[in-house]
Amino acid sequence: MQKRGWILFAGVLALAVIKSGLVISNLLAGERLVHTEPSEFAPIVVFEQYGERCMNFNDIEGEGRQTCMQLKDPDRMVFEYTRMMTSALFVNPAPQSILIIGLGGATLPTALHKLLPTTVIDTVEIDPAVVKVAQRYFGYQVGPRQRVHVDDGRAFVERALADGRRYDMVMLDAFDVDYIPAHLLTVEFLEHVRSLLSDTGVVVANSFAQSRMYERESATYATVFGEFFNLRAGLEGNRVIVATVGPLPSAEQLEHNARQLAKQLEPFGIDIDKALGAYDVHQEPPGQNLPLRDPPPGGG
């Protein structure tokens, strides 16, 4: 065999060994592929591992898990960011209407429906394949107060605003395979969201604790809402922004609301003392960073 042939053979053999190693590693971890759902955006993969069922885009080994649920205790939230987002009930403990942009495996709408059975929850998801997977594999059930809309999040917000709708809480949890879609991360979009909120309204946004956009995201929210709560479980992972139409509640009011909700939140794995400890007020220095804005009409 010529030298080039030996190199090619060695490369193929090495790749086979690596793939075999991954398969063995996955088997040792008890990983099992459950389903792959075709989608015009990215294939949706459902798999089980370590007693959890998870959803991912593209493949099992893809970056980040979109959703996970414990098979033996489906109510208990696996991800810290979902616990942080749910703790926004400390700010407004009795919202009558909630809008969620981004469905995933429906952790948030399912939990909020159990916590607030009389509240109307509208969830917007751009990918019908995600809705199908959430219903079939993650227990998501729609009904008169648990409604789903297959639509772009910004288009839905703009139509809802034109129709005169109002929400007590808007939760932003939309991600593509890379990051938050750019049109859901600008001053103009957040101004629409603010206008959609009631006088006691709260916006809750999931983002990353570290990213190249961190400071500009902060500046964008500060431009529209002023100071906000900046929740981070640590330097890595997610951060959750909680902003209000009116003044932020005091630490005493947050604690009062949290104590009232403690027993209801316990089955979901939310420790109220830990959750309260994440409530830091973020104050953006004027002019420190440029907020994110829509591109000018025509792209000029």
C-alpha atoms as a PDB file:
ATOM      1  CA  MET A   1       0.000   0.000   0.000  1.00  0.00           C
ATOM      2  CA  GLN A   2       1.374   3.431  -0.894  1.00  0.00           C
ATOM      3  CA  LYS A   3       2.157   5.953   1.880  1.00  0.00           C
ATOM      4  CA  ARG A   4      -0.936   8.063   1.092  1.00  0.00           C
ATOM      5  CA  GLY A   5      -3.101   4.927   1.310  1.00  0.00           C
ATOM      6  CA  TRP A   6      -1.633   4.074   4.733  1.00  0.00           C
ATOM      7  CA  ILE A   7      -2.363   7.611   5.972  1.00  0.00           C
ATOM      8  CA  LEU A   8      -5.953   7.410   4.719  1.00  0.00           C
ATOM      9  CA  PHE A   9      -6.407   3.972   6.281  1.00  0.00           C
ATOM     10  CA  ALA A  10      -4.973   5.191   9.618  1.00  0.00           C
ATOM     11  CA  GLY A  11      -7.295   8.205   9.586  1.00  0.00           C
ATOM     12  CA  VAL A  12     -10.367   6.064   8.945  1.00  0.00           C
ATOM     13  CA  LEU A  13      -9.296   3.616  11.670  1.00  0.00           C
ATOM     14  CA  ALA A  14      -8.737   6.452  14.164  1.00  0.00           C
ATOM     15  CA  LEU A  15     -12.173   7.897  13.385  1.00  0.00           C
ATOM     16  CA  ALA A  16     -13.760   4.478  13.877  1.00  0.00           C
ATOM     17  CA  VAL A  17     -11.988   4.095  17.228  1.00  0.00           C
ATOM     18  CA  ILE A  18     -13.170   7.541  18.355  1.00  0.00           C
ATOM     19  CA  LYS A  19     -16.762   6.787  17.311  1.00  0.00           C
ATOM     20  CA  SER A  20     -16.604   3.393  19.024  1.00  0.00           C
ATOM     21  CA  GLY A  21     -15.349   5.100  22.165  1.00  0.00           C
ATOM     22  CA  LEU A  22     -18.258   7.530  22.100  1.00  0.00           C
ATOM     23  CA  VAL A  23     -20.730   4.703  21.636  1.00  0.00           C
ATOM     24  CA  ILE A  24     -19.210   2.742  24.540  1.00  0.00           C
ATOM     25  CA  SER A  25     -19.165   5.886  26.703  1.00  0.00           C
ATOM     26  CA  ASN A  26     -22.798   6.547  25.883  1.00  0.00           C
ATOM     27  CA  LEU A  27     -23.774   2.980  26.654  1.00  0.00           C
ATOM     28  CA  LEU A  28     -21.967   3.098  30.004  1.00  0.00           C
ATOM     29  CA  ALA A  29     -23.895   6.283  30.829  1.00  0.00           C
ATOM     30  CA  GLY A  30     -27.132   4.504  29.962  1.00  0.00           C
ATOM     31  CA  GLU A  31     -27.792   6.851  27.063  1.00  0.00           C
ATOM     32  CA  ARG A  32     -30.629   5.789  24.781  1.00  0.00           C
ATOM     33  CA  LEU A  33     -31.926   7.494  21.660  1.00  0.00           C
ATOM     34  CA  VAL A  34     -35.720   7.733  21.942  1.00  0.00           C
ATOM     35  CA  HIS A  35     -36.742   9.691  18.876  1.00  0.00           C
ATOM     36  CA  THR A  36     -35.524  12.045  16.152  1.00  0.00           C
ATOM     37  CA  GLU A  37     -38.108  14.496  14.844  1.00  0.00           C
ATOM     38  CA  PRO A  38     -37.493  16.094  11.420  1.00  0.00           C
ATOM     39  CA  SER A  39     -37.773  19.875  11.343  1.00  0.00           C
ATOM     40  CA  GLU A  40     -37.199  22.636   8.812  1.00  0.00           C
ATOM     41  CA  PHE A  41     -35.025  24.379  11.420  1.00  0.00           C
ATOM     42  CA  ALA A  42     -32.919  21.592  12.958  1.00  0.00           C
ATOM     43  CA  PRO A  43     -33.634  17.939  13.746  1.00  0.00           C
ATOM     44  CA  ILE A  44     -34.966  17.479  17.291  1.00  0.00           C
ATOM     45  CA  VAL A  45     -33.390  14.612  19.184  1.00  0.00           C
ATOM     46  CA  VAL A  46     -35.002  13.046  22.253  1.00  0.00           C
ATOM     47  CA  PHE A  47     -32.782  10.820  24.381  1.00  0.00           C
ATOM     48  CA  GLU A  48     -32.595   9.372  27.884  1.00  0.00           C
ATOM     49  CA  GLN A  49     -29.596   9.358  30.197  1.00  0.00           C
ATOM     50  CA  TYR A  50     -29.005   9.200  33.965  1.00  0.00           C
ATOM     51  CA  GLY A  51     -32.725   8.828  34.637  1.00  0.00           C
ATOM     52  CA  GLU A  52     -33.599  11.914  32.583  1.00  0.00           C
ATOM     53  CA  ARG A  53     -35.307  12.458  29.252  1.00  0.00           C
ATOM     54  CA  CYS A  54     -33.754  15.302  27.290  1.00  0.00           C
ATOM     55  CA  MET A  55     -34.264  17.243  24.080  1.00  0.00           C
ATOM     56  CA  ASN A  56     -31.481  18.551  21.881  1.00  0.00           C
ATOM     57  CA  PHE A  57     -31.073  20.023  18.423  1.00  0.00           C
ATOM     58  CA  ASN A  58     -29.205  18.174  15.648  1.00  0.00           C
ATOM     59  CA  ASP A  59     -27.776  15.239  17.644  1.00  0.00           C
ATOM     60  CA  ILE A  60     -27.235  13.786  21.105  1.00  0.00           C
ATOM     61  CA  GLU A  61     -23.714  15.161  21.343  1.00  0.00           C
ATOM     62  CA  GLY A  62     -24.787  18.697  20.299  1.00  0.00           C
ATOM     63  CA  GLU A  63     -23.931  21.744  22.387  1.00  0.00           C
ATOM     64  CA  GLY A  64     -26.268  22.229  25.343  1.00  0.00           C
ATOM     65  CA  ARG A  65     -29.479  20.420  26.243  1.00  0.00           C
ATOM     66  CA  GLN A  66     -32.653  22.309  25.416  1.00  0.00           C
ATOM     67  CA  THR A  67     -34.820  20.499  27.972  1.00  0.00           C
ATOM     68  CA  CYS A  68     -34.472  17.694  30.478  1.00  0.00           C
ATOM     69  CA  MET A  69     -37.012  16.081  32.784  1.00  0.00           C
ATOM     70  CA  GLN A  70     -36.596  13.510  35.522  1.00  0.00           C
ATOM     71  CA  LEU A  71     -38.434  10.346  34.538  1.00  0.00           C
ATOM     72  CA  LYS A  72     -39.299   9.408  38.139  1.00  0.00           C
ATOM     73  CA  ASP A  73     -40.164  12.963  39.241  1.00  0.00           C
ATOM     74  CA  PRO A  74     -41.267  14.991  36.193  1.00  0.00           C
ATOM     75  CA  ASP A  75     -42.280  18.083  38.218  1.00  0.00           C
ATOM     76  CA  ARG A  76     -38.817  18.594  39.698  1.00  0.00           C
ATOM     77  CA  MET A  77     -36.926  21.031  37.484  1.00  0.00           C
ATOM     78  CA  VAL A  78     -33.570  19.790  36.225  1.00  0.00           C
ATOM     79  CA  PHE A  79     -32.127  23.125  35.109  1.00  0.00           C
ATOM     80  CA  GLU A  80     -31.263  26.011  37.401  1.00  0.00           C
ATOM     81  CA  TYR A  81     -32.433  28.597  34.895  1.00  0.00           C
ATOM     82  CA  THR A  82     -36.004  27.256  34.902  1.00  0.00           C
ATOM     83  CA  ARG A  83     -36.035  27.487  38.694  1.00  0.00           C
ATOM     84  CA  MET A  84     -34.745  31.049  38.472  1.00  0.00           C
ATOM     85  CA  MET A  85     -37.345  32.004  35.868  1.00  0.00           C
ATOM     86  CA  THR A  86     -40.152  30.505  37.950  1.00  0.00           C
ATOM     87  CA  SER A  87     -38.934  32.491  40.957  1.00  0.00           C
ATOM     88  CA  ALA A  88     -40.151  35.612  39.122  1.00  0.00           C
ATOM     89  CA  LEU A  89     -43.378  34.812  40.985  1.00  0.00           C
ATOM     90  CA  PHE A  90     -41.630  36.482  43.933  1.00  0.00           C
ATOM     91  CA  VAL A  91     -42.056  39.731  41.988  1.00  0.00           C
ATOM     92  CA  ASN A  92     -45.646  39.112  40.849  1.00  0.00           C
ATOM     93  CA  PRO A  93     -47.087  36.107  42.715  1.00  0.00           C
ATOM     94  CA  ALA A  94     -50.507  36.061  41.068  1.00  0.00           C
ATOM     95  CA  PRO A  95     -50.318  36.850  37.343  1.00  0.00           C
ATOM     96  CA  GLN A  96     -53.634  36.290  35.589  1.00  0.00           C
ATOM     97  CA  SER A  97     -52.086  36.085  32.124  1.00  0.00           C
ATOM     98  CA  ILE A  98     -48.630  34.901  31.047  1.00  0.00           C
ATOM     99  CA  LEU A  99     -46.937  34.941  27.653  1.00  0.00           C
ATOM    100  CA  ILE A 100     -44.009  32.577  27.090  1.00  0.00           C
ATOM    101  CA  ILE A 101     -41.897  32.872  23.949  1.00  0.00           C
ATOM    102  CA  GLY A 102     -40.079  29.603  23.319  1.00  0.00           C
ATOM    103  CA  LEU A 103     -41.562  26.211  24.242  1.00  0.00           C
ATOM    104  CA  GLY A 104     -38.744  23.666  24.301  1.00  0.00           C
ATOM    105  CA  GLY A 105     -39.956  20.686  26.315  1.00  0.00           C
ATOM    106  CA  ALA A 106     -42.606  22.881  28.013  1.00  0.00           C
ATOM    107  CA  THR A 107     -41.013  22.862  31.489  1.00  0.00           C
ATOM    108  CA  LEU A 108     -42.147  26.425  32.239  1.00  0.00           C
ATOM    109  CA  PRO A 109     -45.724  26.381  30.915  1.00  0.00           C
ATOM    110  CA  THR A 110     -46.392  22.968  32.479  1.00  0.00           C
ATOM    111  CA  ALA A 111     -45.076  24.039  35.896  1.00  0.00           C
ATOM    112  CA  LEU A 112     -46.824  27.406  35.821  1.00  0.00           C
ATOM    113  CA  HIS A 113     -50.126  25.784  34.893  1.00  0.00           C
ATOM    114  CA  LYS A 114     -49.854  23.522  37.943  1.00  0.00           C
ATOM    115  CA  LEU A 115     -48.908  26.444  40.177  1.00  0.00           C
ATOM    116  CA  LEU A 116     -51.515  28.824  38.729  1.00  0.00           C
ATOM    117  CA  PRO A 117     -54.396  26.688  37.389  1.00  0.00           C
ATOM    118  CA  THR A 118     -56.703  29.667  36.702  1.00  0.00           C
ATOM    119  CA  THR A 119     -54.057  31.692  34.846  1.00  0.00           C
ATOM    120  CA  VAL A 120     -54.183  31.865  31.051  1.00  0.00           C
ATOM    121  CA  ILE A 121     -50.817  30.887  29.573  1.00  0.00           C
ATOM    122  CA  ASP A 122     -50.046  31.616  25.920  1.00  0.00           C
ATOM    123  CA  THR A 123     -46.874  29.969  24.632  1.00  0.00           C
ATOM    124  CA  VAL A 124     -45.394  30.898  21.260  1.00  0.00           C
ATOM    125  CA  GLU A 125     -43.124  28.454  19.422  1.00  0.00           C
ATOM    126  CA  ILE A 126     -41.906  28.979  15.880  1.00  0.00           C
ATOM    127  CA  ASP A 127     -41.252  25.288  15.148  1.00  0.00           C
ATOM    128  CA  PRO A 128     -44.293  22.970  14.983  1.00  0.00           C
ATOM    129  CA  ALA A 129     -41.956  20.002  15.391  1.00  0.00           C
ATOM    130  CA  VAL A 130     -40.978  21.253  18.862  1.00  0.00           C
ATOM    131  CA  VAL A 131     -44.662  21.418  19.838  1.00  0.00           C
ATOM    132  CA  LYS A 132     -45.146  17.846  18.637  1.00  0.00           C
ATOM    133  CA  VAL A 133     -42.163  16.582  20.627  1.00  0.00           C
ATOM    134  CA  ALA A 134     -43.192  18.479  23.788  1.00  0.00           C
ATOM    135  CA  GLN A 135     -46.656  16.912  23.647  1.00  0.00           C
ATOM    136  CA  ARG A 136     -45.554  13.382  22.835  1.00  0.00           C
ATOM    137  CA  TYR A 137     -42.442  13.046  24.995  1.00  0.00           C
ATOM    138  CA  PHE A 138     -42.597  15.712  27.739  1.00  0.00           C
ATOM    139  CA  GLY A 139     -46.226  15.640  28.862  1.00  0.00           C
ATOM    140  CA  TYR A 140     -47.249  19.036  27.489  1.00  0.00           C
ATOM    141  CA  GLN A 141     -51.043  19.334  27.336  1.00  0.00           C
ATOM    142  CA  VAL A 142     -52.947  22.236  25.830  1.00  0.00           C
ATOM    143  CA  GLY A 143     -56.382  23.425  26.903  1.00  0.00           C
ATOM    144  CA  PRO A 144     -58.516  26.539  27.471  1.00  0.00           C
ATOM    145  CA  ARG A 145     -55.913  28.055  29.830  1.00  0.00           C
ATOM    146  CA  GLN A 146     -52.806  26.378  28.386  1.00  0.00           C
ATOM    147  CA  ARG A 147     -52.608  27.572  24.800  1.00  0.00           C
ATOM    148  CA  VAL A 148     -49.903  27.208  22.181  1.00  0.00           C
ATOM    149  CA  HIS A 149     -49.348  29.326  19.069  1.00  0.00           C
ATOM    150  CA  VAL A 150     -47.042  28.296  16.223  1.00  0.00           C
ATOM    151  CA  ASP A 151     -45.593  31.648  15.255  1.00  0.00           C
ATOM    152  CA  ASP A 152     -42.537  33.878  15.357  1.00  0.00           C
ATOM    153  CA  GLY A 153     -42.303  35.431  18.812  1.00  0.00           C
ATOM    154  CA  ARG A 154     -41.890  39.008  17.645  1.00  0.00           C
ATOM    155  CA  ALA A 155     -44.711  38.779  15.114  1.00  0.00           C
ATOM    156  CA  PHE A 156     -47.001  37.429  17.837  1.00  0.00           C
ATOM    157  CA  VAL A 157     -46.047  40.251  20.229  1.00  0.00           C
ATOM    158  CA  GLU A 158     -46.692  42.923  17.599  1.00  0.00           C
ATOM    159  CA  ARG A 159     -50.094  41.471  16.689  1.00  0.00           C
ATOM    160  CA  ALA A 160     -51.075  41.060  20.330  1.00  0.00           C
ATOM    161  CA  LEU A 161     -50.165  44.687  20.921  1.00  0.00           C
ATOM    162  CA  ALA A 162     -52.229  45.810  17.929  1.00  0.00           C
ATOM    163  CA  ASP A 163     -55.158  43.751  19.278  1.00  0.00           C
ATOM    164  CA  GLY A 164     -54.948  45.491  22.649  1.00  0.00           C
ATOM    165  CA  ARG A 165     -53.972  42.412  24.661  1.00  0.00           C
ATOM    166  CA  ARG A 166     -52.106  42.722  27.955  1.00  0.00           C
ATOM    167  CA  TYR A 167     -50.097  40.244  29.995  1.00  0.00           C
ATOM    168  CA  ASP A 168     -49.023  40.300  33.634  1.00  0.00           C
ATOM    169  CA  MET A 169     -45.846  38.383  32.843  1.00  0.00           C
ATOM    170  CA  VAL A 170     -43.838  37.853  29.649  1.00  0.00           C
ATOM    171  CA  MET A 171     -41.147  35.145  29.660  1.00  0.00           C
ATOM    172  CA  LEU A 172     -38.511  35.143  26.940  1.00  0.00           C
ATOM    173  CA  ASP A 173     -36.879  31.736  26.483  1.00  0.00           C
ATOM    174  CA  ALA A 174     -36.320  31.506  22.732  1.00  0.00           C
ATOM    175  CA  PHE A 175     -33.060  30.068  21.439  1.00  0.00           C
ATOM    176  CA  ASP A 176     -31.955  28.715  18.103  1.00  0.00           C
ATOM    177  CA  VAL A 177     -28.981  26.375  17.784  1.00  0.00           C
ATOM    178  CA  ASP A 178     -26.559  29.220  18.510  1.00  0.00           C
ATOM    179  CA  TYR A 179     -28.094  32.010  20.605  1.00  0.00           C
ATOM    180  CA  ILE A 180     -31.149  34.193  21.147  1.00  0.00           C
ATOM    181  CA  PRO A 181     -32.550  35.257  17.740  1.00  0.00           C
ATOM    182  CA  ALA A 182     -31.326  38.810  17.073  1.00  0.00           C
ATOM    183  CA  HIS A 183     -34.795  40.284  16.448  1.00  0.00           C
ATOM    184  CA  LEU A 184     -35.823  39.224  19.974  1.00  0.00           C
ATOM    185  CA  LEU A 185     -32.935  41.099  21.564  1.00  0.00           C
ATOM    186  CA  THR A 186     -33.283  44.762  20.604  1.00  0.00           C
ATOM    187  CA  VAL A 187     -34.576  47.969  22.183  1.00  0.00           C
ATOM    188  CA  GLU A 188     -37.421  48.076  19.685  1.00  0.00           C
ATOM    189  CA  PHE A 189     -38.583  44.545  20.505  1.00  0.00           C
ATOM    190  CA  LEU A 190     -38.380  45.126  24.261  1.00  0.00           C
ATOM    191  CA  GLU A 191     -40.346  48.355  23.888  1.00  0.00           C
ATOM    192  CA  HIS A 192     -43.111  46.261  22.298  1.00  0.00           C
ATOM    193  CA  VAL A 193     -42.886  43.807  25.201  1.00  0.00           C
ATOM    194  CA  ARG A 194     -43.071  46.615  27.753  1.00  0.00           C
ATOM    195  CA  SER A 195     -46.167  48.038  26.045  1.00  0.00           C
ATOM    196  CA  LEU A 196     -47.745  44.576  26.187  1.00  0.00           C
ATOM    197  CA  LEU A 197     -47.348  44.382  29.970  1.00  0.00           C
ATOM    198  CA  SER A 198     -49.981  45.406  32.514  1.00  0.00           C
ATOM    199  CA  ASP A 199     -49.194  48.089  35.111  1.00  0.00           C
ATOM    200  CA  THR A 200     -47.837  45.402  37.458  1.00  0.00           C
ATOM    201  CA  GLY A 201     -46.208  43.485  34.612  1.00  0.00           C
ATOM    202  CA  VAL A 202     -42.916  41.600  34.733  1.00  0.00           C
ATOM    203  CA  VAL A 203     -40.589  40.510  31.936  1.00  0.00           C
ATOM    204  CA  VAL A 204     -38.393  37.470  32.583  1.00  0.00           C
ATOM    205  CA  ALA A 205     -35.606  36.687  30.120  1.00  0.00           C
ATOM    206  CA  ASN A 206     -33.242  33.723  29.935  1.00  0.00           C
ATOM    207  CA  SER A 207     -29.739  34.449  28.689  1.00  0.00           C
ATOM    208  CA  PHE A 208     -26.137  33.413  29.409  1.00  0.00           C
ATOM    209  CA  ALA A 209     -23.985  34.311  32.411  1.00  0.00           C
ATOM    210  CA  GLN A 210     -21.031  34.755  30.083  1.00  0.00           C
ATOM    211  CA  SER A 211     -21.196  35.835  26.450  1.00  0.00           C
ATOM    212  CA  ARG A 212     -19.793  38.467  24.127  1.00  0.00           C
ATOM    213  CA  MET A 213     -23.243  40.077  24.190  1.00  0.00           C
ATOM    214  CA  TYR A 214     -23.532  40.260  27.992  1.00  0.00           C
ATOM    215  CA  GLU A 215     -22.868  43.981  28.453  1.00  0.00           C
ATOM    216  CA  ARG A 216     -24.901  45.039  25.443  1.00  0.00           C
ATOM    217  CA  GLU A 217     -27.841  42.859  26.483  1.00  0.00           C
ATOM    218  CA  SER A 218     -27.700  44.527  29.887  1.00  0.00           C
ATOM    219  CA  ALA A 219     -27.605  47.964  28.284  1.00  0.00           C
ATOM    220  CA  THR A 220     -30.588  47.056  26.101  1.00  0.00           C
ATOM    221  CA  TYR A 221     -32.760  46.025  29.032  1.00  0.00           C
ATOM    222  CA  ALA A 222     -31.595  49.043  31.051  1.00  0.00           C
ATOM    223  CA  THR A 223     -32.563  51.366  28.185  1.00  0.00           C
ATOM    224  CA  VAL A 224     -36.132  50.050  28.174  1.00  0.00           C
ATOM    225  CA  PHE A 225     -36.744  49.137  31.832  1.00  0.00           C
ATOM    226  CA  GLY A 226     -34.129  50.954  33.905  1.00  0.00           C
ATOM    227  CA  GLU A 227     -32.643  48.916  36.744  1.00  0.00           C
ATOM    228  CA  PHE A 228     -33.502  45.225  36.831  1.00  0.00           C
ATOM    229  CA  PHE A 229     -32.818  42.065  38.802  1.00  0.00           C
ATOM    230  CA  ASN A 230     -29.865  40.129  37.411  1.00  0.00           C
ATOM    231  CA  LEU A 231     -30.038  36.496  38.562  1.00  0.00           C
ATOM    232  CA  ARG A 232     -27.009  34.256  38.207  1.00  0.00           C
ATOM    233  CA  ALA A 233     -26.386  30.919  39.865  1.00  0.00           C
ATOM    234  CA  GLY A 234     -22.656  31.304  39.174  1.00  0.00           C
ATOM    235  CA  LEU A 235     -20.202  32.620  36.627  1.00  0.00           C
ATOM    236  CA  GLU A 236     -21.066  29.863  34.171  1.00  0.00           C
ATOM    237  CA  GLY A 237     -24.380  28.744  32.706  1.00  0.00           C
ATOM    238  CA  ASN A 238     -27.416  30.982  32.467  1.00  0.00           C
ATOM    239  CA  ARG A 239     -28.473  34.320  33.803  1.00  0.00           C
ATOM    240  CA  VAL A 240     -32.063  35.455  34.133  1.00  0.00           C
ATOM    241  CA  ILE A 241     -33.143  39.079  33.806  1.00  0.00           C
ATOM    242  CA  VAL A 242     -36.262  40.116  35.727  1.00  0.00           C
ATOM    243  CA  ALA A 243     -37.539  43.615  34.960  1.00  0.00           C
ATOM    244  CA  THR A 244     -40.752  45.442  35.820  1.00  0.00           C
ATOM    245  CA  VAL A 245     -42.925  48.197  34.385  1.00  0.00           C
ATOM    246  CA  GLY A 246     -43.062  49.931  37.769  1.00  0.00           C
ATOM    247  CA  PRO A 247     -40.405  50.157  40.506  1.00  0.00           C
ATOM    248  CA  LEU A 248     -38.661  46.949  41.542  1.00  0.00           C
ATOM    249  CA  PRO A 249     -40.096  45.424  44.730  1.00  0.00           C
ATOM    250  CA  SER A 250     -38.083  45.736  47.922  1.00  0.00           C
ATOM    251  CA  ALA A 251     -36.107  42.849  49.403  1.00  0.00           C
ATOM    252  CA  GLU A 252     -38.765  42.628  52.128  1.00  0.00           C
ATOM    253  CA  GLN A 253     -41.575  42.291  49.595  1.00  0.00           C
ATOM    254  CA  LEU A 254     -39.658  39.644  47.644  1.00  0.00           C
ATOM    255  CA  GLU A 255     -39.100  37.619  50.801  1.00  0.00           C
ATOM    256  CA  HIS A 256     -42.743  37.948  51.874  1.00  0.00           C
ATOM    257  CA  ASN A 257     -43.954  36.656  48.496  1.00  0.00           C
ATOM    258  CA  ALA A 258     -41.367  33.862  48.488  1.00  0.00           C
ATOM    259  CA  ARG A 259     -42.422  32.619  51.940  1.00  0.00           C
ATOM    260  CA  GLN A 260     -46.043  32.553  50.815  1.00  0.00           C
ATOM    261  CA  LEU A 261     -45.095  30.408  47.815  1.00  0.00           C
ATOM    262  CA  ALA A 262     -42.559  28.124  49.518  1.00  0.00           C
ATOM    263  CA  LYS A 263     -44.733  24.999  49.879  1.00  0.00           C
ATOM    264  CA  GLN A 264     -46.077  25.289  46.332  1.00  0.00           C
ATOM    265  CA  LEU A 265     -42.597  25.663  44.846  1.00  0.00           C
ATOM    266  CA  GLU A 266     -40.922  22.876  46.825  1.00  0.00           C
ATOM    267  CA  PRO A 267     -42.059  19.988  44.534  1.00  0.00           C
ATOM    268  CA  PHE A 268     -40.395  21.776  41.613  1.00  0.00           C
ATOM    269  CA  GLY A 269     -37.038  21.815  43.390  1.00  0.00           C
ATOM    270  CA  ILE A 270     -37.060  25.544  44.149  1.00  0.00           C
ATOM    271  CA  ASP A 271     -35.309  26.427  47.396  1.00  0.00           C
ATOM    272  CA  ILE A 272     -36.611  29.900  48.204  1.00  0.00           C
ATOM    273  CA  ASP A 273     -33.585  30.939  50.293  1.00  0.00           C
ATOM    274  CA  LYS A 274     -31.239  30.058  47.449  1.00  0.00           C
ATOM    275  CA  ALA A 275     -33.561  31.683  44.923  1.00  0.00           C
ATOM    276  CA  LEU A 276     -33.798  34.908  46.928  1.00  0.00           C
ATOM    277  CA  GLY A 277     -30.014  35.019  47.194  1.00  0.00           C
ATOM    278  CA  ALA A 278     -29.784  35.386  43.410  1.00  0.00           C
ATOM    279  CA  TYR A 279     -31.799  38.620  43.334  1.00  0.00           C
ATOM    280  CA  ASP A 280     -29.152  41.269  42.696  1.00  0.00           C
ATOM    281  CA  VAL A 281     -30.143  44.652  41.298  1.00  0.00           C
ATOM    282  CA  HIS A 282     -28.297  45.558  38.108  1.00  0.00           C
ATOM    283  CA  GLN A 283     -27.701  49.241  37.521  1.00  0.00           C
ATOM    284  CA  GLU A 284     -26.306  50.134  34.103  1.00  0.00           C
ATOM    285  CA  PRO A 285     -23.947  53.156  34.070  1.00  0.00           C
ATOM    286  CA  PRO A 286     -25.338  55.699  31.545  1.00  0.00           C
ATOM    287  CA  GLY A 287     -23.641  55.428  28.173  1.00  0.00           C
ATOM    288  CA  GLN A 288     -21.367  52.615  29.305  1.00  0.00           C
ATOM    289  CA  ASN A 289     -22.417  50.198  26.540  1.00  0.00           C
ATOM    290  CA  LEU A 290     -24.394  50.565  23.343  1.00  0.00           C
ATOM    291  CA  PRO A 291     -27.834  48.915  23.440  1.00  0.00           C
ATOM    292  CA  LEU A 292     -28.796  46.543  20.656  1.00  0.00           C
ATOM    293  CA  ARG A 293     -31.146  48.022  18.048  1.00  0.00           C
ATOM    294  CA  ASP A 294     -33.015  46.900  14.957  1.00  0.00           C
ATOM    295  CA  PRO A 295     -31.127  47.439  11.713  1.00  0.00           C
ATOM    296  CA  PRO A 296     -32.285  50.540   9.824  1.00  0.00           C
ATOM    297  CA  PRO A 297     -34.975  50.018   7.157  1.00  0.00           C
ATOM    298  CA  GLY A 298     -33.435  48.767   3.941  1.00  0.00           C
ATOM    299  CA  GLY A 299     -30.342  47.559   5.761  1.00  0.00           C
ATOM    300  CA  GLY A 300     -28.499  50.815   5.173  1.00  0.00           C
END
